[in-house]
Amino acid sequence: MAINKVIVIGNLGANPEVRALPSGQNVANFSLATTERFTDRNGAKQERTDWHRIVAFGRLADTCKRFLSKGRQVYVEGRLQTRQYQAKDGSGSRYRTEIVALQMRLLGNRVNGTAPKAETSDDIPF
């Protein structure tokens, strides 16, 4: 038995790039930052950010295009995939490990890296 499952919650580093494949199916690519905060042995607070490459296909890619933007917090569940490609400069093979998204959930209220202002009204009926 083998399991290939990844779950990450983080913030988008940029707006998703969405393009159509030759088959007509859309594919979305975006980067997701996860930040770990901890205290080191000396008692100093530390912060480490990891960047993850996310790929979504089909309807999920369309959803990414409609709802995701830089700074948005999102939950992504998928599988790891490493693919090989040739460098554009012809210097040989390169490898890229990505998370192929199978599920996505929008979290928080972050839009463009800032939280929206709450609506207020002086006309409170009670």
C-alpha atoms as a PDB file:
ATOM      1  CA  MET A   1       0.000   0.000   0.000  1.00  0.00           C
ATOM      2  CA  ALA A   2       1.208   3.512  -0.799  1.00  0.00           C
ATOM      3  CA  ILE A   3      -0.148   6.933   0.105  1.00  0.00           C
ATOM      4  CA  ASN A   4       0.725  10.186  -1.631  1.00  0.00           C
ATOM      5  CA  LYS A   5      -1.242  12.931   0.132  1.00  0.00           C
ATOM      6  CA  VAL A   6      -0.316  16.507   0.973  1.00  0.00           C
ATOM      7  CA  ILE A   7      -2.264  19.122   2.925  1.00  0.00           C
ATOM      8  CA  VAL A   8      -1.049  22.722   3.117  1.00  0.00           C
ATOM      9  CA  ILE A   9      -2.620  25.914   4.399  1.00  0.00           C
ATOM     10  CA  GLY A  10      -0.938  29.120   3.355  1.00  0.00           C
ATOM     11  CA  ASN A  11      -1.122  32.396   1.482  1.00  0.00           C
ATOM     12  CA  LEU A  12      -0.769  32.956  -2.252  1.00  0.00           C
ATOM     13  CA  GLY A  13       2.459  34.651  -3.285  1.00  0.00           C
ATOM     14  CA  ALA A  14       0.950  35.983  -6.541  1.00  0.00           C
ATOM     15  CA  ASN A  15      -2.222  35.740  -8.592  1.00  0.00           C
ATOM     16  CA  PRO A  16      -2.647  32.320 -10.242  1.00  0.00           C
ATOM     17  CA  GLU A  17      -1.488  31.907 -13.828  1.00  0.00           C
ATOM     18  CA  VAL A  18      -4.217  30.134 -15.793  1.00  0.00           C
ATOM     19  CA  ARG A  19      -3.783  28.822 -19.339  1.00  0.00           C
ATOM     20  CA  ALA A  20      -5.481  26.336 -21.631  1.00  0.00           C
ATOM     21  CA  LEU A  21      -3.862  23.017 -22.490  1.00  0.00           C
ATOM     22  CA  PRO A  22      -3.998  21.696 -26.088  1.00  0.00           C
ATOM     23  CA  SER A  23      -6.882  19.478 -24.929  1.00  0.00           C
ATOM     24  CA  GLY A  24      -8.869  22.612 -24.057  1.00  0.00           C
ATOM     25  CA  GLN A  25      -8.699  21.924 -20.328  1.00  0.00           C
ATOM     26  CA  ASN A  26      -7.505  24.814 -18.119  1.00  0.00           C
ATOM     27  CA  VAL A  27      -4.506  24.536 -15.820  1.00  0.00           C
ATOM     28  CA  ALA A  28      -3.720  26.950 -12.973  1.00  0.00           C
ATOM     29  CA  ASN A  29      -0.280  27.425 -11.437  1.00  0.00           C
ATOM     30  CA  PHE A  30       0.398  29.375  -8.267  1.00  0.00           C
ATOM     31  CA  SER A  31       2.782  29.510  -5.333  1.00  0.00           C
ATOM     32  CA  LEU A  32       1.691  29.082  -1.739  1.00  0.00           C
ATOM     33  CA  ALA A  33       3.702  30.224   1.290  1.00  0.00           C
ATOM     34  CA  THR A  34       3.562  28.381   4.606  1.00  0.00           C
ATOM     35  CA  THR A  35       5.244  30.027   7.571  1.00  0.00           C
ATOM     36  CA  GLU A  36       6.496  28.247  10.672  1.00  0.00           C
ATOM     37  CA  ARG A  37       7.126  30.312  13.805  1.00  0.00           C
ATOM     38  CA  PHE A  38       9.193  28.848  16.631  1.00  0.00           C
ATOM     39  CA  THR A  39      11.590  29.676  19.447  1.00  0.00           C
ATOM     40  CA  ASP A  40      15.168  28.470  18.999  1.00  0.00           C
ATOM     41  CA  ARG A  41      17.460  27.018  21.687  1.00  0.00           C
ATOM     42  CA  ASN A  42      18.603  30.504  22.686  1.00  0.00           C
ATOM     43  CA  GLY A  43      15.030  31.695  23.263  1.00  0.00           C
ATOM     44  CA  ALA A  44      14.959  33.894  20.158  1.00  0.00           C
ATOM     45  CA  LYS A  45      11.812  33.879  18.061  1.00  0.00           C
ATOM     46  CA  GLN A  46      12.398  32.531  14.556  1.00  0.00           C
ATOM     47  CA  GLU A  47      10.316  32.394  11.406  1.00  0.00           C
ATOM     48  CA  ARG A  48      10.787  30.142   8.379  1.00  0.00           C
ATOM     49  CA  THR A  49       8.740  30.372   5.169  1.00  0.00           C
ATOM     50  CA  ASP A  50       8.509  27.535   2.660  1.00  0.00           C
ATOM     51  CA  TRP A  51       7.148  28.041  -0.853  1.00  0.00           C
ATOM     52  CA  HIS A  52       5.089  25.345  -2.553  1.00  0.00           C
ATOM     53  CA  ARG A  53       4.237  25.119  -6.258  1.00  0.00           C
ATOM     54  CA  ILE A  54       0.583  24.229  -6.784  1.00  0.00           C
ATOM     55  CA  VAL A  55      -1.015  22.963 -10.017  1.00  0.00           C
ATOM     56  CA  ALA A  56      -4.781  22.617 -10.513  1.00  0.00           C
ATOM     57  CA  PHE A  57      -6.621  21.246 -13.552  1.00  0.00           C
ATOM     58  CA  GLY A  58     -10.113  21.556 -15.035  1.00  0.00           C
ATOM     59  CA  ARG A  59     -12.918  22.968 -12.907  1.00  0.00           C
ATOM     60  CA  LEU A  60     -10.553  23.476  -9.979  1.00  0.00           C
ATOM     61  CA  ALA A  61      -8.333  25.645 -12.219  1.00  0.00           C
ATOM     62  CA  ASP A  62     -11.404  27.682 -13.200  1.00  0.00           C
ATOM     63  CA  THR A  63     -12.229  28.160  -9.508  1.00  0.00           C
ATOM     64  CA  CYS A  64      -8.660  29.322  -8.861  1.00  0.00           C
ATOM     65  CA  LYS A  65      -8.974  31.876 -11.647  1.00  0.00           C
ATOM     66  CA  ARG A  66     -12.248  33.234 -10.243  1.00  0.00           C
ATOM     67  CA  PHE A  67     -11.514  33.363  -6.523  1.00  0.00           C
ATOM     68  CA  LEU A  68      -7.774  33.360  -5.812  1.00  0.00           C
ATOM     69  CA  SER A  69      -5.559  36.417  -5.634  1.00  0.00           C
ATOM     70  CA  LYS A  70      -2.254  37.381  -4.062  1.00  0.00           C
ATOM     71  CA  GLY A  71      -2.350  37.171  -0.274  1.00  0.00           C
ATOM     72  CA  ARG A  72      -5.483  35.000  -0.114  1.00  0.00           C
ATOM     73  CA  GLN A  73      -5.357  32.242   2.491  1.00  0.00           C
ATOM     74  CA  VAL A  74      -6.242  28.835   1.090  1.00  0.00           C
ATOM     75  CA  TYR A  75      -6.335  25.163   2.093  1.00  0.00           C
ATOM     76  CA  VAL A  76      -4.993  22.813  -0.595  1.00  0.00           C
ATOM     77  CA  GLU A  77      -5.162  19.038  -0.544  1.00  0.00           C
ATOM     78  CA  GLY A  78      -3.489  16.988  -3.232  1.00  0.00           C
ATOM     79  CA  ARG A  79      -0.578  14.751  -4.148  1.00  0.00           C
ATOM     80  CA  LEU A  80       3.121  15.315  -4.761  1.00  0.00           C
ATOM     81  CA  GLN A  81       4.390  14.949  -8.300  1.00  0.00           C
ATOM     82  CA  THR A  82       7.931  15.396  -9.597  1.00  0.00           C
ATOM     83  CA  ARG A  83       8.337  16.012 -13.302  1.00  0.00           C
ATOM     84  CA  GLN A  84      11.364  16.302 -15.537  1.00  0.00           C
ATOM     85  CA  TYR A  85      11.802  18.950 -18.240  1.00  0.00           C
ATOM     86  CA  GLN A  86      14.584  20.322 -20.429  1.00  0.00           C
ATOM     87  CA  ALA A  87      16.126  23.677 -19.502  1.00  0.00           C
ATOM     88  CA  LYS A  88      15.349  26.444 -21.990  1.00  0.00           C
ATOM     89  CA  ASP A  89      19.059  27.220 -22.362  1.00  0.00           C
ATOM     90  CA  GLY A  90      19.733  23.601 -23.389  1.00  0.00           C
ATOM     91  CA  SER A  91      21.919  22.891 -20.354  1.00  0.00           C
ATOM     92  CA  GLY A  92      20.167  19.641 -19.511  1.00  0.00           C
ATOM     93  CA  SER A  93      17.345  18.176 -17.495  1.00  0.00           C
ATOM     94  CA  ARG A  94      15.649  19.888 -14.599  1.00  0.00           C
ATOM     95  CA  TYR A  95      13.242  18.516 -12.025  1.00  0.00           C
ATOM     96  CA  ARG A  96      10.286  20.234 -10.374  1.00  0.00           C
ATOM     97  CA  THR A  97       8.227  18.901  -7.487  1.00  0.00           C
ATOM     98  CA  GLU A  98       4.678  20.232  -7.360  1.00  0.00           C
ATOM     99  CA  ILE A  99       1.483  19.649  -5.449  1.00  0.00           C
ATOM    100  CA  VAL A 100      -1.270  18.586  -7.836  1.00  0.00           C
ATOM    101  CA  ALA A 101      -4.366  20.017  -6.155  1.00  0.00           C
ATOM    102  CA  LEU A 102      -7.385  17.745  -5.818  1.00  0.00           C
ATOM    103  CA  GLN A 103      -9.335  19.878  -3.328  1.00  0.00           C
ATOM    104  CA  MET A 104      -9.204  23.512  -2.340  1.00  0.00           C
ATOM    105  CA  ARG A 105     -10.966  25.586   0.316  1.00  0.00           C
ATOM    106  CA  LEU A 106     -10.905  29.351   0.608  1.00  0.00           C
ATOM    107  CA  LEU A 107     -10.027  30.482   4.118  1.00  0.00           C
ATOM    108  CA  GLY A 108     -10.024  33.795   5.921  1.00  0.00           C
ATOM    109  CA  ASN A 109     -11.056  37.090   4.424  1.00  0.00           C
ATOM    110  CA  ARG A 110      -7.711  38.087   2.969  1.00  0.00           C
ATOM    111  CA  VAL A 111      -7.956  39.815  -0.358  1.00  0.00           C
ATOM    112  CA  ASN A 112      -4.809  41.284  -1.932  1.00  0.00           C
ATOM    113  CA  GLY A 113      -2.929  40.720   1.323  1.00  0.00           C
ATOM    114  CA  THR A 114      -5.213  42.844   3.507  1.00  0.00           C
ATOM    115  CA  ALA A 115      -8.294  42.062   5.492  1.00  0.00           C
ATOM    116  CA  PRO A 116     -11.442  43.795   4.260  1.00  0.00           C
ATOM    117  CA  LYS A 117     -12.918  46.520   6.436  1.00  0.00           C
ATOM    118  CA  ALA A 118     -16.007  45.549   8.363  1.00  0.00           C
ATOM    119  CA  GLU A 119     -19.185  47.286   7.331  1.00  0.00           C
ATOM    120  CA  THR A 120     -20.716  49.417  10.050  1.00  0.00           C
ATOM    121  CA  SER A 121     -23.985  51.256  10.307  1.00  0.00           C
ATOM    122  CA  ASP A 122     -25.410  53.813  12.727  1.00  0.00           C
ATOM    123  CA  ASP A 123     -28.918  52.490  12.036  1.00  0.00           C
ATOM    124  CA  ILE A 124     -28.944  49.656  14.544  1.00  0.00           C
ATOM    125  CA  PRO A 125     -32.546  48.537  14.999  1.00  0.00           C
ATOM    126  CA  PHE A 126     -32.148  47.427  18.623  1.00  0.00           C
END
